[in-house]
Every structure is written in C-alpha cells, then in structure tokens.
Amino acid sequence: MATIRIQFVPFLVSILSIGIVEILVRLPSISNPVYGLLFLGSVRTVEAAVILLAVWPCQKGLSSIGLTPETIVGGLSQGLIWSAAFGVVALLGFIPCFLLSINPFALMRMPLPEGRVALAAFYLVGGIIGPVAEELFFRGVVFGFVRRWGFWPAMIISTSLFVLAHLSGNRIPVTQLVGGVAFSVAYEKTNSLVTPMIIHILGNLSIFTLAVVSLP
C-alpha cells in the first residue's frame, strides 16, 4: 500500500515556514549549553507545530502523514518491533569488532554537554523532540510529497536532505544515511509516521547512552 501523498500547498507552506524559522534561529548566540539546548528544543517544537497546522486544514486531518488513532497505536508497536530488530543487528555487528580487537564503544564517542542538567536537556531535545520534528518534516512532508513519483525517488530525496541537514565538516553522517533509508522503509511498510519516530527516538537515545558509557 502506497504512503498517502502530501498535496502541494501544505508541502510548500511547510518548506517555506521551516526555512524562515531556520534562518531566524541562527541570529541569537546562546553561550549557556542548557539554555541553548532548550532554545533548540523550542524551535523544533514550533517547527513541528507549523507542519501539523499546515497539513491539518489542507488535507482534512493528519491521515496524509500517517497520524490517525489507528496508525498511532499500530505505529507504536511496530516501532518497538523494528527497533528491537535493529538492536539485534547492531549487537551482531559488535561481534566482528571484538574478534578484531576493536572496541565498538569507542566508535560511539561523541561530544556531550557537561553536567547532569545539560545532559538531561541533550537527551530530551536530541533524543525525543528532535526526532519527532525531523520525522514530521523529512518523512511526513518531503517523503510524502515526492512519494507520488514512486518509493525510490521519495526515499532518495528525503534521505539526501536528511543527510545534508546533518553534515558537519568533511565527515559523512553514515548514521543518518542508514537511518534515513531505514525510516523511509519503515514508513512505507507501516503507513504510520509513528513507526520511524519510535525507531529514530530509540536509536538516538541508544547512541547517546553508548556515548556516555564509552566516556573515559
């Protein structure tokens, strides 16, 4: 069953609104890491609300982005199942690392904010609010709009934009590349945006936790 498509008006409104918000939020400079994270979380919340408000009146509800009572409940259970499967695959991937005397936890190291409050804010924003807003935009809006031309164009374009949004220096965000493909497939198969949301949330929280565990 093909994912329900997004019409042009909500797609355009979402793109323009998110673009304007992203430009505006680059103006302030916040030195306090906690305040900075909370500000970012507020921005992502506003962006999520903008998308929902753009889609709701034009599409007569949120079914076009896979958000109905039925798809929410079904997507929750499916997301947990998919996440468990990815977790098993990841654990199996640790085996050759250990056989080659490579510490897989060292590969998970990433910059983390100092202090419990900042770390909690990091988990909240990067682990929950961010994934929800990103899935609404990249899968709900972008994938949903391009899906009218087929799954592969929708997956490639939405994943490419997802990767570009996470570029940092010369490093290719492999995690986002693999994640973008997985999220698109999950959305296509379940027709529920909650499924990739749950996978994205649990994936981020797992990566953050492994990064904490791998701290020297």
Protein backbone atom coordinates (compact mmCIF):
# COMPACT_ATOMS: atom_id res chain seq x y z
CA MET A 1 0.00 0.00 0.00
CA ALA A 2 1.47 3.34 -1.08
CA THR A 3 2.03 6.01 1.53
CA ILE A 4 -0.67 8.66 1.34
CA ARG A 5 0.61 11.69 -0.52
CA ILE A 6 1.03 15.27 0.64
CA GLN A 7 -0.55 17.94 -1.54
CA PHE A 8 1.43 20.88 -2.92
CA VAL A 9 0.02 23.63 -0.65
CA PRO A 10 0.90 22.05 2.73
CA PHE A 11 4.24 20.95 1.25
CA LEU A 12 5.08 24.50 0.14
CA VAL A 13 3.84 26.08 3.38
CA SER A 14 5.92 23.63 5.43
CA ILE A 15 9.07 24.17 3.36
CA LEU A 16 8.82 27.96 3.47
CA SER A 17 7.92 28.06 7.17
CA ILE A 18 10.75 25.75 8.22
CA GLY A 19 13.18 27.70 6.02
CA ILE A 20 12.20 31.01 7.64
CA VAL A 21 12.42 29.56 11.15
CA GLU A 22 15.86 28.05 10.46
CA ILE A 23 17.14 31.42 9.19
CA LEU A 24 15.78 33.31 12.17
CA VAL A 25 17.16 30.92 14.82
CA ARG A 26 20.70 31.47 13.58
CA LEU A 27 20.59 35.07 14.78
CA PRO A 28 20.89 34.64 18.57
CA SER A 29 24.05 33.31 20.19
CA ILE A 30 23.50 31.46 23.47
CA SER A 31 26.62 30.59 25.46
CA ASN A 32 24.88 28.60 28.21
CA PRO A 33 24.59 25.00 26.92
CA VAL A 34 21.37 24.27 28.83
CA TYR A 35 19.63 27.38 27.56
CA GLY A 36 20.96 26.69 24.08
CA LEU A 37 19.54 23.17 24.08
CA LEU A 38 16.19 24.33 25.46
CA PHE A 39 16.07 27.06 22.83
CA LEU A 40 16.75 24.48 20.11
CA GLY A 41 14.05 22.25 21.57
CA SER A 42 11.60 25.14 21.48
CA VAL A 43 12.48 25.81 17.85
CA ARG A 44 11.95 22.19 16.88
CA THR A 45 8.62 22.18 18.73
CA VAL A 46 7.50 25.28 16.81
CA GLU A 47 8.54 23.66 13.53
CA ALA A 48 6.58 20.51 14.36
CA ALA A 49 3.52 22.60 15.21
CA VAL A 50 3.85 24.55 11.96
CA ILE A 51 3.89 21.33 9.94
CA LEU A 52 0.84 19.96 11.73
CA LEU A 53 -1.05 23.23 11.24
CA ALA A 54 -0.06 23.33 7.57
CA VAL A 55 -1.22 19.78 6.90
CA TRP A 56 -4.39 19.65 9.01
CA PRO A 57 -6.69 22.10 7.13
CA CYS A 58 -5.40 21.33 3.64
CA GLN A 59 -5.54 17.55 3.96
CA LYS A 60 -8.62 17.30 6.21
CA GLY A 61 -6.71 15.85 9.11
CA LEU A 62 -3.34 14.21 9.65
CA SER A 63 -4.01 10.91 7.89
CA SER A 64 -1.87 12.13 4.96
CA ILE A 65 1.22 11.91 7.17
CA GLY A 66 0.23 8.65 8.80
CA LEU A 67 -1.15 10.09 12.02
CA THR A 68 -4.56 8.72 12.96
CA PRO A 69 -5.64 6.93 16.15
CA GLU A 70 -5.20 3.60 14.37
CA THR A 71 -1.80 4.34 12.84
CA ILE A 72 -0.52 5.88 16.08
CA VAL A 73 -1.29 2.74 18.09
CA GLY A 74 -0.11 0.40 15.36
CA GLY A 75 2.97 2.52 14.65
CA LEU A 76 3.97 2.43 18.30
CA SER A 77 4.04 -1.35 18.44
CA GLN A 78 5.67 -1.63 15.02
CA GLY A 79 8.30 0.92 16.01
CA LEU A 80 9.22 -1.11 19.07
CA ILE A 81 9.48 -4.29 16.98
CA TRP A 82 11.61 -2.61 14.30
CA SER A 83 13.82 -1.03 16.97
CA ALA A 84 14.36 -4.39 18.66
CA ALA A 85 15.33 -5.91 15.30
CA PHE A 86 17.82 -3.11 14.61
CA GLY A 87 19.19 -3.55 18.13
CA VAL A 88 19.86 -7.24 17.49
CA VAL A 89 21.57 -6.42 14.19
CA ALA A 90 23.74 -3.82 15.93
CA LEU A 91 24.74 -6.30 18.63
CA LEU A 92 25.65 -8.86 16.00
CA GLY A 93 27.76 -6.18 14.34
CA PHE A 94 29.76 -5.88 17.57
CA ILE A 95 30.95 -9.49 17.26
CA PRO A 96 33.47 -8.95 14.41
CA CYS A 97 34.69 -5.82 16.21
CA PHE A 98 35.54 -7.82 19.30
CA LEU A 99 37.14 -10.56 17.17
CA LEU A 100 39.36 -7.91 15.56
CA SER A 101 40.19 -6.42 18.99
CA ILE A 102 38.27 -3.25 18.14
CA ASN A 103 36.35 -1.56 20.91
CA PRO A 104 32.92 -0.80 19.35
CA PHE A 105 32.05 1.54 22.21
CA ALA A 106 34.98 3.76 21.27
CA LEU A 107 33.34 4.25 17.88
CA MET A 108 30.29 5.67 19.62
CA ARG A 109 32.13 8.53 21.29
CA MET A 110 30.68 11.95 20.55
CA PRO A 111 30.74 15.43 22.13
CA LEU A 112 28.43 15.52 25.13
CA PRO A 113 27.45 18.50 27.29
CA GLU A 114 28.91 18.65 30.77
CA GLY A 115 26.67 18.49 33.81
CA ARG A 116 23.57 16.45 34.60
CA VAL A 117 21.10 19.20 33.70
CA ALA A 118 22.74 19.83 30.33
CA LEU A 119 22.92 16.09 29.64
CA ALA A 120 19.24 15.68 30.52
CA ALA A 121 18.37 18.57 28.17
CA PHE A 122 20.51 16.90 25.49
CA TYR A 123 18.58 13.65 25.88
CA LEU A 124 15.24 15.48 25.77
CA VAL A 125 15.98 17.64 22.75
CA GLY A 126 18.26 15.37 20.73
CA GLY A 127 16.61 12.13 21.74
CA ILE A 128 12.90 12.98 21.63
CA ILE A 129 11.92 16.43 20.39
CA GLY A 130 14.40 16.49 17.51
CA PRO A 131 13.47 13.07 16.07
CA VAL A 132 9.74 13.87 16.19
CA ALA A 133 10.21 17.18 14.36
CA GLU A 134 12.61 15.63 11.84
CA GLU A 135 10.30 12.75 11.01
CA LEU A 136 7.37 15.14 10.54
CA PHE A 137 9.42 17.11 8.03
CA PHE A 138 11.66 14.62 6.22
CA ARG A 139 9.30 11.63 6.12
CA GLY A 140 5.88 13.20 6.69
CA VAL A 141 6.25 16.19 4.36
CA VAL A 142 9.18 15.57 1.96
CA PHE A 143 8.80 11.80 1.55
CA GLY A 144 5.01 12.14 1.50
CA PHE A 145 5.08 14.73 -1.27
CA VAL A 146 7.67 13.03 -3.50
CA ARG A 147 6.03 9.62 -2.97
CA ARG A 148 3.61 10.37 -5.85
CA TRP A 149 6.54 9.63 -8.19
CA GLY A 150 7.42 6.34 -6.51
CA PHE A 151 9.09 4.98 -3.41
CA TRP A 152 12.69 5.21 -4.62
CA PRO A 153 12.61 8.92 -5.52
CA ALA A 154 10.88 9.64 -2.21
CA MET A 155 13.42 7.63 -0.23
CA ILE A 156 16.45 9.04 -2.05
CA ILE A 157 15.37 12.69 -1.88
CA SER A 158 14.15 12.63 1.74
CA THR A 159 17.26 10.75 2.89
CA SER A 160 19.59 13.04 0.94
CA LEU A 161 18.06 16.12 2.55
CA PHE A 162 18.19 14.40 5.95
CA VAL A 163 21.91 13.72 5.46
CA LEU A 164 22.63 17.25 4.22
CA ALA A 165 20.93 18.68 7.30
CA HIS A 166 23.39 16.74 9.49
CA LEU A 167 26.60 17.46 7.60
CA SER A 168 29.43 18.62 9.82
CA GLY A 169 32.79 19.41 8.26
CA ASN A 170 34.11 16.74 5.91
CA ARG A 171 32.54 13.87 7.83
CA ILE A 172 29.82 11.92 6.04
CA PRO A 173 26.98 11.24 8.51
CA VAL A 174 26.77 7.50 7.88
CA THR A 175 24.37 7.03 10.79
CA GLN A 176 21.91 9.48 9.24
CA LEU A 177 22.34 7.88 5.82
CA VAL A 178 21.48 4.42 7.12
CA GLY A 179 18.80 5.87 9.36
CA GLY A 180 17.16 7.83 6.56
CA VAL A 181 16.82 4.68 4.48
CA ALA A 182 15.50 2.66 7.43
CA PHE A 183 13.00 5.37 8.41
CA SER A 184 11.70 5.61 4.85
CA VAL A 185 11.27 1.85 4.55
CA ALA A 186 9.52 1.68 7.92
CA TYR A 187 7.15 4.50 6.95
CA GLU A 188 6.41 2.88 3.60
CA LYS A 189 5.74 -0.54 5.09
CA THR A 190 3.58 0.52 8.04
CA ASN A 191 1.98 3.70 6.63
CA SER A 192 2.39 5.18 10.12
CA LEU A 193 4.73 8.07 10.83
CA VAL A 194 4.92 6.91 14.44
CA THR A 195 6.96 3.88 13.37
CA PRO A 196 10.00 5.84 12.11
CA MET A 197 9.54 8.28 15.00
CA ILE A 198 9.92 5.47 17.55
CA ILE A 199 12.89 3.96 15.69
CA HIS A 200 14.52 7.39 15.44
CA ILE A 201 13.93 8.21 19.12
CA LEU A 202 15.15 4.87 20.47
CA GLY A 203 18.09 4.89 18.08
CA ASN A 204 19.23 8.34 19.20
CA LEU A 205 18.76 7.52 22.88
CA SER A 206 20.77 4.31 22.42
CA ILE A 207 23.61 6.15 20.66
CA PHE A 208 23.69 8.82 23.37
CA THR A 209 23.75 6.18 26.09
CA LEU A 210 26.56 4.25 24.42
CA ALA A 211 28.47 7.53 24.10
CA VAL A 212 28.04 8.13 27.83
CA VAL A 213 29.15 4.57 28.65
CA SER A 214 32.23 4.91 26.42
CA LEU A 215 33.45 8.04 28.21
CA PRO A 216 36.96 7.54 29.59
